[in-house]
Amino acid sequence: MFSYSVDNVQGRPVVRLVGDLTLEHSRDILSELLASLSAHSDITIDLGESTKSDLSFFLILYALLKHPTANIRFARVPGHLFDNAETIGADDLMKELSTRMENNT
């Protein structure tokens, strides 16, 4: 299962990704994130209600964080992302993500 929503929080779009962040849903995840970035170069991604992730999601995150004009922040990052990052050797990616965390979303 996967779903998403886009809310406006304090004048900033917040993309909420809910459910499985896996290869099965990677096309939808990427499409939604790219659509949000094309409408707003400054977004927050809320992953707090995601249930699991796999390598495909880490590849999407890595590509988004390298986007030259995007200002991406994160809210509510679940433990499964940190666990998977350790397993696949994506610790540097998670350190970068941690520097982009918001405290108030």
PDB file of N, CA and C in Angstrom:
ATOM      1  N   MET A   1       0.835  -1.173   0.000  1.00  0.00           N
ATOM      2  CA  MET A   1       0.000   0.000   0.000  1.00  0.00           C
ATOM      3  C   MET A   1       0.889   1.249   0.000  1.00  0.00           C
ATOM      4  N   PHE A   2       0.490   2.233  -0.761  1.00  0.00           N
ATOM      5  CA  PHE A   2       1.177   3.518  -0.805  1.00  0.00           C
ATOM      6  C   PHE A   2       0.164   4.602  -1.128  1.00  0.00           C
ATOM      7  N   SER A   3       0.313   5.736  -0.452  1.00  0.00           N
ATOM      8  CA  SER A   3      -0.480   6.914  -0.794  1.00  0.00           C
ATOM      9  C   SER A   3       0.340   8.148  -0.456  1.00  0.00           C
ATOM     10  N   TYR A   4      -0.118   9.275  -0.954  1.00  0.00           N
ATOM     11  CA  TYR A   4       0.572  10.533  -0.682  1.00  0.00           C
ATOM     12  C   TYR A   4      -0.453  11.648  -0.628  1.00  0.00           C
ATOM     13  N   SER A   5      -0.054  12.718  -0.007  1.00  0.00           N
ATOM     14  CA  SER A   5      -0.866  13.925  -0.013  1.00  0.00           C
ATOM     15  C   SER A   5       0.083  15.105   0.039  1.00  0.00           C
ATOM     16  N   VAL A   6      -0.420  16.243  -0.396  1.00  0.00           N
ATOM     17  CA  VAL A   6       0.355  17.471  -0.340  1.00  0.00           C
ATOM     18  C   VAL A   6      -0.479  18.479   0.436  1.00  0.00           C
ATOM     19  N   ASP A   7       0.098  18.960   1.525  1.00  0.00           N
ATOM     20  CA  ASP A   7      -0.563  19.948   2.366  1.00  0.00           C
ATOM     21  C   ASP A   7       0.277  21.213   2.383  1.00  0.00           C
ATOM     22  N   ASN A   8      -0.359  22.317   2.720  1.00  0.00           N
ATOM     23  CA  ASN A   8       0.351  23.574   2.868  1.00  0.00           C
ATOM     24  C   ASN A   8       0.485  23.854   4.357  1.00  0.00           C
ATOM     25  N   VAL A   9       1.712  23.840   4.859  1.00  0.00           N
ATOM     26  CA  VAL A   9       1.977  24.084   6.270  1.00  0.00           C
ATOM     27  C   VAL A   9       2.859  25.321   6.375  1.00  0.00           C
ATOM     28  N   GLN A  10       2.324  26.354   6.972  1.00  0.00           N
ATOM     29  CA  GLN A  10       3.040  27.620   7.136  1.00  0.00           C
ATOM     30  C   GLN A  10       3.589  28.135   5.800  1.00  0.00           C
ATOM     31  N   GLY A  11       2.771  28.041   4.759  1.00  0.00           N
ATOM     32  CA  GLY A  11       3.135  28.558   3.445  1.00  0.00           C
ATOM     33  C   GLY A  11       4.104  27.694   2.659  1.00  0.00           C
ATOM     34  N   ARG A  12       4.355  26.496   3.123  1.00  0.00           N
ATOM     35  CA  ARG A  12       5.322  25.614   2.462  1.00  0.00           C
ATOM     36  C   ARG A  12       4.644  24.275   2.159  1.00  0.00           C
ATOM     37  N   PRO A  13       4.805  23.752   0.932  1.00  0.00           N
ATOM     38  CA  PRO A  13       4.211  22.453   0.618  1.00  0.00           C
ATOM     39  C   PRO A  13       4.897  21.332   1.403  1.00  0.00           C
ATOM     40  N   VAL A  14       4.073  20.465   1.987  1.00  0.00           N
ATOM     41  CA  VAL A  14       4.564  19.288   2.691  1.00  0.00           C
ATOM     42  C   VAL A  14       4.011  18.066   1.973  1.00  0.00           C
ATOM     43  N   VAL A  15       4.902  17.268   1.406  1.00  0.00           N
ATOM     44  CA  VAL A  15       4.519  16.041   0.713  1.00  0.00           C
ATOM     45  C   VAL A  15       4.603  14.907   1.729  1.00  0.00           C
ATOM     46  N   ARG A  16       3.463  14.288   2.011  1.00  0.00           N
ATOM     47  CA  ARG A  16       3.414  13.186   2.969  1.00  0.00           C
ATOM     48  C   ARG A  16       3.347  11.870   2.191  1.00  0.00           C
ATOM     49  N   LEU A  17       4.365  11.030   2.416  1.00  0.00           N
ATOM     50  CA  LEU A  17       4.408   9.720   1.788  1.00  0.00           C
ATOM     51  C   LEU A  17       4.019   8.694   2.843  1.00  0.00           C
ATOM     52  N   VAL A  18       2.986   7.912   2.552  1.00  0.00           N
ATOM     53  CA  VAL A  18       2.412   6.980   3.518  1.00  0.00           C
ATOM     54  C   VAL A  18       2.478   5.568   2.957  1.00  0.00           C
ATOM     55  N   GLY A  19       2.874   4.620   3.804  1.00  0.00           N
ATOM     56  CA  GLY A  19       2.882   3.220   3.399  1.00  0.00           C
ATOM     57  C   GLY A  19       4.252   2.755   2.961  1.00  0.00           C
ATOM     58  N   ASP A  20       4.260   1.862   1.974  1.00  0.00           N
ATOM     59  CA  ASP A  20       5.485   1.206   1.520  1.00  0.00           C
ATOM     60  C   ASP A  20       6.244   2.052   0.504  1.00  0.00           C
ATOM     61  N   LEU A  21       7.473   2.410   0.837  1.00  0.00           N
ATOM     62  CA  LEU A  21       8.344   3.174  -0.064  1.00  0.00           C
ATOM     63  C   LEU A  21       9.265   2.164  -0.744  1.00  0.00           C
ATOM     64  N   THR A  22       8.685   1.402  -1.643  1.00  0.00           N
ATOM     65  CA  THR A  22       9.387   0.269  -2.247  1.00  0.00           C
ATOM     66  C   THR A  22       9.307   0.328  -3.770  1.00  0.00           C
ATOM     67  N   LEU A  23      10.037  -0.577  -4.397  1.00  0.00           N
ATOM     68  CA  LEU A  23      10.105  -0.625  -5.862  1.00  0.00           C
ATOM     69  C   LEU A  23       8.722  -0.676  -6.491  1.00  0.00           C
ATOM     70  N   GLU A  24       7.823  -1.403  -5.890  1.00  0.00           N
ATOM     71  CA  GLU A  24       6.456  -1.521  -6.402  1.00  0.00           C
ATOM     72  C   GLU A  24       5.794  -0.154  -6.587  1.00  0.00           C
ATOM     73  N   HIS A  25       6.142   0.802  -5.751  1.00  0.00           N
ATOM     74  CA  HIS A  25       5.520   2.128  -5.784  1.00  0.00           C
ATOM     75  C   HIS A  25       6.482   3.228  -6.228  1.00  0.00           C
ATOM     76  N   SER A  26       7.660   2.864  -6.668  1.00  0.00           N
ATOM     77  CA  SER A  26       8.686   3.861  -6.973  1.00  0.00           C
ATOM     78  C   SER A  26       8.271   4.837  -8.073  1.00  0.00           C
ATOM     79  N   ARG A  27       7.558   4.370  -9.063  1.00  0.00           N
ATOM     80  CA  ARG A  27       7.111   5.270 -10.138  1.00  0.00           C
ATOM     81  C   ARG A  27       6.179   6.351  -9.586  1.00  0.00           C
ATOM     82  N   ASP A  28       5.237   5.956  -8.730  1.00  0.00           N
ATOM     83  CA  ASP A  28       4.316   6.919  -8.128  1.00  0.00           C
ATOM     84  C   ASP A  28       5.048   7.879  -7.195  1.00  0.00           C
ATOM     85  N   ILE A  29       5.983   7.340  -6.411  1.00  0.00           N
ATOM     86  CA  ILE A  29       6.745   8.177  -5.486  1.00  0.00           C
ATOM     87  C   ILE A  29       7.529   9.224  -6.261  1.00  0.00           C
ATOM     88  N   LEU A  30       8.262   8.786  -7.261  1.00  0.00           N
ATOM     89  CA  LEU A  30       9.072   9.707  -8.053  1.00  0.00           C
ATOM     90  C   LEU A  30       8.196  10.730  -8.772  1.00  0.00           C
ATOM     91  N   SER A  31       7.098  10.297  -9.355  1.00  0.00           N
ATOM     92  CA  SER A  31       6.201  11.218 -10.070  1.00  0.00           C
ATOM     93  C   SER A  31       5.667  12.297  -9.144  1.00  0.00           C
ATOM     94  N   GLU A  32       5.237  11.911  -7.962  1.00  0.00           N
ATOM     95  CA  GLU A  32       4.689  12.888  -7.018  1.00  0.00           C
ATOM     96  C   GLU A  32       5.751  13.871  -6.559  1.00  0.00           C
ATOM     97  N   LEU A  33       6.922  13.375  -6.234  1.00  0.00           N
ATOM     98  CA  LEU A  33       7.977  14.270  -5.768  1.00  0.00           C
ATOM     99  C   LEU A  33       8.435  15.221  -6.869  1.00  0.00           C
ATOM    100  N   LEU A  34       8.562  14.733  -8.087  1.00  0.00           N
ATOM    101  CA  LEU A  34       8.952  15.607  -9.199  1.00  0.00           C
ATOM    102  C   LEU A  34       7.871  16.638  -9.510  1.00  0.00           C
ATOM    103  N   ALA A  35       6.612  16.232  -9.428  1.00  0.00           N
ATOM    104  CA  ALA A  35       5.515  17.178  -9.656  1.00  0.00           C
ATOM    105  C   ALA A  35       5.525  18.275  -8.593  1.00  0.00           C
ATOM    106  N   SER A  36       5.764  17.893  -7.357  1.00  0.00           N
ATOM    107  CA  SER A  36       5.823  18.881  -6.284  1.00  0.00           C
ATOM    108  C   SER A  36       6.993  19.829  -6.477  1.00  0.00           C
ATOM    109  N   LEU A  37       8.131  19.288  -6.905  1.00  0.00           N
ATOM    110  CA  LEU A  37       9.303  20.135  -7.135  1.00  0.00           C
ATOM    111  C   LEU A  37       9.136  21.043  -8.346  1.00  0.00           C
ATOM    112  N   SER A  38       8.388  20.606  -9.335  1.00  0.00           N
ATOM    113  CA  SER A  38       8.184  21.475 -10.497  1.00  0.00           C
ATOM    114  C   SER A  38       7.254  22.630 -10.154  1.00  0.00           C
ATOM    115  N   ALA A  39       6.360  22.420  -9.195  1.00  0.00           N
ATOM    116  CA  ALA A  39       5.453  23.486  -8.770  1.00  0.00           C
ATOM    117  C   ALA A  39       6.084  24.397  -7.723  1.00  0.00           C
ATOM    118  N   HIS A  40       6.964  23.839  -6.898  1.00  0.00           N
ATOM    119  CA  HIS A  40       7.600  24.577  -5.799  1.00  0.00           C
ATOM    120  C   HIS A  40       9.016  24.045  -5.646  1.00  0.00           C
ATOM    121  N   SER A  41       9.994  24.901  -5.699  1.00  0.00           N
ATOM    122  CA  SER A  41      11.370  24.422  -5.543  1.00  0.00           C
ATOM    123  C   SER A  41      11.747  24.242  -4.079  1.00  0.00           C
ATOM    124  N   ASP A  42      10.842  24.609  -3.175  1.00  0.00           N
ATOM    125  CA  ASP A  42      11.088  24.569  -1.746  1.00  0.00           C
ATOM    126  C   ASP A  42      10.009  23.703  -1.099  1.00  0.00           C
ATOM    127  N   ILE A  43      10.329  22.432  -0.762  1.00  0.00           N
ATOM    128  CA  ILE A  43       9.321  21.530  -0.211  1.00  0.00           C
ATOM    129  C   ILE A  43       9.862  20.811   1.029  1.00  0.00           C
ATOM    130  N   THR A  44       8.905  20.285   1.799  1.00  0.00           N
ATOM    131  CA  THR A  44       9.216  19.404   2.922  1.00  0.00           C
ATOM    132  C   THR A  44       8.631  18.043   2.595  1.00  0.00           C
ATOM    133  N   ILE A  45       9.392  16.998   2.870  1.00  0.00           N
ATOM    134  CA  ILE A  45       8.921  15.629   2.672  1.00  0.00           C
ATOM    135  C   ILE A  45       8.741  15.006   4.053  1.00  0.00           C
ATOM    136  N   ASP A  46       7.519  14.547   4.325  1.00  0.00           N
ATOM    137  CA  ASP A  46       7.184  13.919   5.605  1.00  0.00           C
ATOM    138  C   ASP A  46       7.090  12.413   5.382  1.00  0.00           C
ATOM    139  N   LEU A  47       7.980  11.669   6.024  1.00  0.00           N
ATOM    140  CA  LEU A  47       8.043  10.215   5.856  1.00  0.00           C
ATOM    141  C   LEU A  47       7.545   9.475   7.096  1.00  0.00           C
ATOM    142  N   GLY A  48       6.969  10.179   8.045  1.00  0.00           N
ATOM    143  CA  GLY A  48       6.603   9.610   9.332  1.00  0.00           C
ATOM    144  C   GLY A  48       5.600   8.486   9.295  1.00  0.00           C
ATOM    145  N   GLU A  49       4.781   8.426   8.273  1.00  0.00           N
ATOM    146  CA  GLU A  49       3.775   7.368   8.189  1.00  0.00           C
ATOM    147  C   GLU A  49       4.154   6.288   7.179  1.00  0.00           C
ATOM    148  N   SER A  50       5.408   6.261   6.783  1.00  0.00           N
ATOM    149  CA  SER A  50       5.853   5.183   5.895  1.00  0.00           C
ATOM    150  C   SER A  50       6.122   3.946   6.739  1.00  0.00           C
ATOM    151  N   THR A  51       5.932   2.780   6.133  1.00  0.00           N
ATOM    152  CA  THR A  51       6.030   1.528   6.884  1.00  0.00           C
ATOM    153  C   THR A  51       7.281   0.732   6.569  1.00  0.00           C
ATOM    154  N   LYS A  52       7.778   0.851   5.351  1.00  0.00           N
ATOM    155  CA  LYS A  52       9.019   0.180   4.983  1.00  0.00           C
ATOM    156  C   LYS A  52       9.597   0.853   3.755  1.00  0.00           C
ATOM    157  N   SER A  53      10.872   0.563   3.500  1.00  0.00           N
ATOM    158  CA  SER A  53      11.558   1.164   2.359  1.00  0.00           C
ATOM    159  C   SER A  53      12.545   0.151   1.802  1.00  0.00           C
ATOM    160  N   ASP A  54      12.994   0.422   0.580  1.00  0.00           N
ATOM    161  CA  ASP A  54      14.020  -0.430  -0.017  1.00  0.00           C
ATOM    162  C   ASP A  54      14.994   0.435  -0.810  1.00  0.00           C
ATOM    163  N   LEU A  55      15.920  -0.209  -1.482  1.00  0.00           N
ATOM    164  CA  LEU A  55      16.969   0.491  -2.210  1.00  0.00           C
ATOM    165  C   LEU A  55      16.407   1.485  -3.224  1.00  0.00           C
ATOM    166  N   SER A  56      15.301   1.152  -3.868  1.00  0.00           N
ATOM    167  CA  SER A  56      14.742   2.065  -4.873  1.00  0.00           C
ATOM    168  C   SER A  56      14.408   3.422  -4.267  1.00  0.00           C
ATOM    169  N   PHE A  57      13.916   3.444  -3.042  1.00  0.00           N
ATOM    170  CA  PHE A  57      13.588   4.717  -2.407  1.00  0.00           C
ATOM    171  C   PHE A  57      14.850   5.510  -2.081  1.00  0.00           C
ATOM    172  N   PHE A  58      15.889   4.829  -1.658  1.00  0.00           N
ATOM    173  CA  PHE A  58      17.153   5.521  -1.387  1.00  0.00           C
ATOM    174  C   PHE A  58      17.725   6.141  -2.659  1.00  0.00           C
ATOM    175  N   LEU A  59      17.569   5.467  -3.779  1.00  0.00           N
ATOM    176  CA  LEU A  59      18.037   6.027  -5.052  1.00  0.00           C
ATOM    177  C   LEU A  59      17.246   7.277  -5.424  1.00  0.00           C
ATOM    178  N   ILE A  60      15.946   7.246  -5.178  1.00  0.00           N
ATOM    179  CA  ILE A  60      15.113   8.428  -5.434  1.00  0.00           C
ATOM    180  C   ILE A  60      15.557   9.582  -4.532  1.00  0.00           C
ATOM    181  N   LEU A  61      15.754   9.304  -3.249  1.00  0.00           N
ATOM    182  CA  LEU A  61      16.211  10.350  -2.329  1.00  0.00           C
ATOM    183  C   LEU A  61      17.543  10.929  -2.760  1.00  0.00           C
ATOM    184  N   TYR A  62      18.470  10.069  -3.115  1.00  0.00           N
ATOM    185  CA  TYR A  62      19.796  10.522  -3.530  1.00  0.00           C
ATOM    186  C   TYR A  62      19.682  11.458  -4.735  1.00  0.00           C
ATOM    187  N   ALA A  63      18.882  11.075  -5.723  1.00  0.00           N
ATOM    188  CA  ALA A  63      18.716  11.906  -6.920  1.00  0.00           C
ATOM    189  C   ALA A  63      18.062  13.246  -6.578  1.00  0.00           C
ATOM    190  N   LEU A  64      17.058  13.239  -5.723  1.00  0.00           N
ATOM    191  CA  LEU A  64      16.385  14.487  -5.353  1.00  0.00           C
ATOM    192  C   LEU A  64      17.315  15.434  -4.613  1.00  0.00           C
ATOM    193  N   LEU A  65      18.128  14.893  -3.739  1.00  0.00           N
ATOM    194  CA  LEU A  65      19.036  15.754  -2.973  1.00  0.00           C
ATOM    195  C   LEU A  65      20.129  16.348  -3.837  1.00  0.00           C
ATOM    196  N   LYS A  66      20.378  15.779  -4.999  1.00  0.00           N
ATOM    197  CA  LYS A  66      21.360  16.320  -5.937  1.00  0.00           C
ATOM    198  C   LYS A  66      20.734  17.314  -6.919  1.00  0.00           C
ATOM    199  N   HIS A  67      19.421  17.473  -6.883  1.00  0.00           N
ATOM    200  CA  HIS A  67      18.714  18.390  -7.791  1.00  0.00           C
ATOM    201  C   HIS A  67      19.253  19.801  -7.573  1.00  0.00           C
ATOM    202  N   PRO A  68      19.709  20.474  -8.630  1.00  0.00           N
ATOM    203  CA  PRO A  68      20.417  21.748  -8.464  1.00  0.00           C
ATOM    204  C   PRO A  68      19.566  22.913  -7.955  1.00  0.00           C
ATOM    205  N   THR A  69      18.264  22.919  -8.215  1.00  0.00           N
ATOM    206  CA  THR A  69      17.455  24.075  -7.807  1.00  0.00           C
ATOM    207  C   THR A  69      16.473  23.759  -6.687  1.00  0.00           C
ATOM    208  N   ALA A  70      16.501  22.549  -6.174  1.00  0.00           N
ATOM    209  CA  ALA A  70      15.534  22.154  -5.152  1.00  0.00           C
ATOM    210  C   ALA A  70      16.056  22.441  -3.746  1.00  0.00           C
ATOM    211  N   ASN A  71      15.167  22.938  -2.909  1.00  0.00           N
ATOM    212  CA  ASN A  71      15.446  23.102  -1.486  1.00  0.00           C
ATOM    213  C   ASN A  71      14.521  22.138  -0.757  1.00  0.00           C
ATOM    214  N   ILE A  72      15.050  20.985  -0.397  1.00  0.00           N
ATOM    215  CA  ILE A  72      14.242  19.924   0.195  1.00  0.00           C
ATOM    216  C   ILE A  72      14.600  19.776   1.668  1.00  0.00           C
ATOM    217  N   ARG A  73      13.551  19.755   2.484  1.00  0.00           N
ATOM    218  CA  ARG A  73      13.703  19.487   3.911  1.00  0.00           C
ATOM    219  C   ARG A  73      12.875  18.248   4.253  1.00  0.00           C
ATOM    220  N   PHE A  74      13.118  17.700   5.422  1.00  0.00           N
ATOM    221  CA  PHE A  74      12.429  16.480   5.837  1.00  0.00           C
ATOM    222  C   PHE A  74      11.802  16.651   7.206  1.00  0.00           C
ATOM    223  N   ALA A  75      10.671  15.983   7.383  1.00  0.00           N
ATOM    224  CA  ALA A  75       9.982  15.933   8.670  1.00  0.00           C
ATOM    225  C   ALA A  75       9.666  14.472   8.974  1.00  0.00           C
ATOM    226  N   ARG A  76       9.782  14.118  10.204  1.00  0.00           N
ATOM    227  CA  ARG A  76       9.424  12.775  10.677  1.00  0.00           C
ATOM    228  C   ARG A  76      10.027  11.659   9.816  1.00  0.00           C
ATOM    229  N   VAL A  77      11.229  11.314  10.123  1.00  0.00           N
ATOM    230  CA  VAL A  77      11.920  10.229   9.420  1.00  0.00           C
ATOM    231  C   VAL A  77      11.872   8.989  10.309  1.00  0.00           C
ATOM    232  N   PRO A  78      11.250   7.902   9.839  1.00  0.00           N
ATOM    233  CA  PRO A  78      11.093   6.707  10.670  1.00  0.00           C
ATOM    234  C   PRO A  78      12.374   5.877  10.778  1.00  0.00           C
ATOM    235  N   GLY A  79      12.411   5.041  11.794  1.00  0.00           N
ATOM    236  CA  GLY A  79      13.572   4.203  12.054  1.00  0.00           C
ATOM    237  C   GLY A  79      13.926   3.248  10.934  1.00  0.00           C
ATOM    238  N   HIS A  80      12.917   2.770  10.173  1.00  0.00           N
ATOM    239  CA  HIS A  80      13.240   1.804   9.115  1.00  0.00           C
ATOM    240  C   HIS A  80      14.172   2.393   8.072  1.00  0.00           C
ATOM    241  N   LEU A  81      14.109   3.702   7.842  1.00  0.00           N
ATOM    242  CA  LEU A  81      15.042   4.306   6.886  1.00  0.00           C
ATOM    243  C   LEU A  81      16.477   4.241   7.402  1.00  0.00           C
ATOM    244  N   PHE A  82      16.671   4.528   8.679  1.00  0.00           N
ATOM    245  CA  PHE A  82      18.017   4.463   9.248  1.00  0.00           C
ATOM    246  C   PHE A  82      18.530   3.026   9.286  1.00  0.00           C
ATOM    247  N   ASP A  83      17.649   2.082   9.605  1.00  0.00           N
ATOM    248  CA  ASP A  83      18.043   0.667   9.615  1.00  0.00           C
ATOM    249  C   ASP A  83      18.460   0.203   8.225  1.00  0.00           C
ATOM    250  N   ASN A  84      17.665   0.541   7.217  1.00  0.00           N
ATOM    251  CA  ASN A  84      17.991   0.149   5.845  1.00  0.00           C
ATOM    252  C   ASN A  84      19.248   0.843   5.344  1.00  0.00           C
ATOM    253  N   ALA A  85      19.421   2.084   5.712  1.00  0.00           N
ATOM    254  CA  ALA A  85      20.620   2.825   5.292  1.00  0.00           C
ATOM    255  C   ALA A  85      21.871   2.132   5.799  1.00  0.00           C
ATOM    256  N   GLU A  86      21.818   1.681   7.022  1.00  0.00           N
ATOM    257  CA  GLU A  86      22.973   0.978   7.588  1.00  0.00           C
ATOM    258  C   GLU A  86      23.226  -0.322   6.832  1.00  0.00           C
ATOM    259  N   THR A  87      22.167  -1.029   6.488  1.00  0.00           N
ATOM    260  CA  THR A  87      22.284  -2.304   5.787  1.00  0.00           C
ATOM    261  C   THR A  87      22.876  -2.141   4.391  1.00  0.00           C
ATOM    262  N   ILE A  88      22.466  -1.087   3.677  1.00  0.00           N
ATOM    263  CA  ILE A  88      22.916  -0.934   2.283  1.00  0.00           C
ATOM    264  C   ILE A  88      24.096   0.018   2.139  1.00  0.00           C
ATOM    265  N   GLY A  89      24.587   0.542   3.248  1.00  0.00           N
ATOM    266  CA  GLY A  89      25.750   1.428   3.193  1.00  0.00           C
ATOM    267  C   GLY A  89      25.435   2.842   2.753  1.00  0.00           C
ATOM    268  N   ALA A  90      24.242   3.313   3.099  1.00  0.00           N
ATOM    269  CA  ALA A  90      23.827   4.669   2.715  1.00  0.00           C
ATOM    270  C   ALA A  90      23.881   5.619   3.907  1.00  0.00           C
ATOM    271  N   ASP A  91      24.854   5.425   4.771  1.00  0.00           N
ATOM    272  CA  ASP A  91      24.971   6.274   5.957  1.00  0.00           C
ATOM    273  C   ASP A  91      25.172   7.742   5.601  1.00  0.00           C
ATOM    274  N   ASP A  92      25.970   8.022   4.573  1.00  0.00           N
ATOM    275  CA  ASP A  92      26.201   9.412   4.165  1.00  0.00           C
ATOM    276  C   ASP A  92      24.914  10.084   3.704  1.00  0.00           C
ATOM    277  N   LEU A  93      24.075   9.336   3.008  1.00  0.00           N
ATOM    278  CA  LEU A  93      22.790   9.874   2.570  1.00  0.00           C
ATOM    279  C   LEU A  93      21.933  10.235   3.782  1.00  0.00           C
ATOM    280  N   MET A  94      21.914   9.386   4.785  1.00  0.00           N
ATOM    281  CA  MET A  94      21.106   9.659   5.963  1.00  0.00           C
ATOM    282  C   MET A  94      21.684  10.819   6.776  1.00  0.00           C
ATOM    283  N   LYS A  95      22.991  10.986   6.773  1.00  0.00           N
ATOM    284  CA  LYS A  95      23.582  12.152   7.437  1.00  0.00           C
ATOM    285  C   LYS A  95      23.124  13.431   6.742  1.00  0.00           C
ATOM    286  N   GLU A  96      23.120  13.417   5.410  1.00  0.00           N
ATOM    287  CA  GLU A  96      22.640  14.577   4.649  1.00  0.00           C
ATOM    288  C   GLU A  96      21.169  14.837   4.957  1.00  0.00           C
ATOM    289  N   LEU A  97      20.379  13.784   4.983  1.00  0.00           N
ATOM    290  CA  LEU A  97      18.959  13.925   5.286  1.00  0.00           C
ATOM    291  C   LEU A  97      18.780  14.520   6.685  1.00  0.00           C
ATOM    292  N   SER A  98      19.566  14.068   7.636  1.00  0.00           N
ATOM    293  CA  SER A  98      19.468  14.570   9.012  1.00  0.00           C
ATOM    294  C   SER A  98      19.774  16.058   9.107  1.00  0.00           C
ATOM    295  N   THR A  99      20.669  16.558   8.258  1.00  0.00           N
ATOM    296  CA  THR A  99      20.971  17.990   8.280  1.00  0.00           C
ATOM    297  C   THR A  99      19.827  18.815   7.722  1.00  0.00           C
ATOM    298  N   ARG A 100      18.895  18.172   7.056  1.00  0.00           N
ATOM    299  CA  ARG A 100      17.763  18.881   6.439  1.00  0.00           C
ATOM    300  C   ARG A 100      16.464  18.690   7.217  1.00  0.00           C
ATOM    301  N   MET A 101      16.558  18.229   8.450  1.00  0.00           N
ATOM    302  CA  MET A 101      15.359  17.974   9.251  1.00  0.00           C
ATOM    303  C   MET A 101      14.743  19.274   9.761  1.00  0.00           C
ATOM    304  N   GLU A 102      13.410  19.272   9.818  1.00  0.00           N
ATOM    305  CA  GLU A 102      12.675  20.385  10.403  1.00  0.00           C
ATOM    306  C   GLU A 102      12.192  19.967  11.781  1.00  0.00           C
ATOM    307  N   ASN A 103      12.039  20.912  12.646  1.00  0.00           N
ATOM    308  CA  ASN A 103      11.579  20.618  13.995  1.00  0.00           C
ATOM    309  C   ASN A 103      10.105  20.926  14.219  1.00  0.00           C
ATOM    310  N   ASN A 104       9.484  21.613  13.269  1.00  0.00           N
ATOM    311  CA  ASN A 104       8.134  22.129  13.536  1.00  0.00           C
ATOM    312  C   ASN A 104       7.070  21.661  12.580  1.00  0.00           C
ATOM    313  N   THR A 105       7.281  20.576  11.836  1.00  0.00           N
ATOM    314  CA  THR A 105       6.251  20.133  10.898  1.00  0.00           C
ATOM    315  C   THR A 105       5.549  18.930  11.441  1.00  0.00           C
TER     316      THR A 105
END
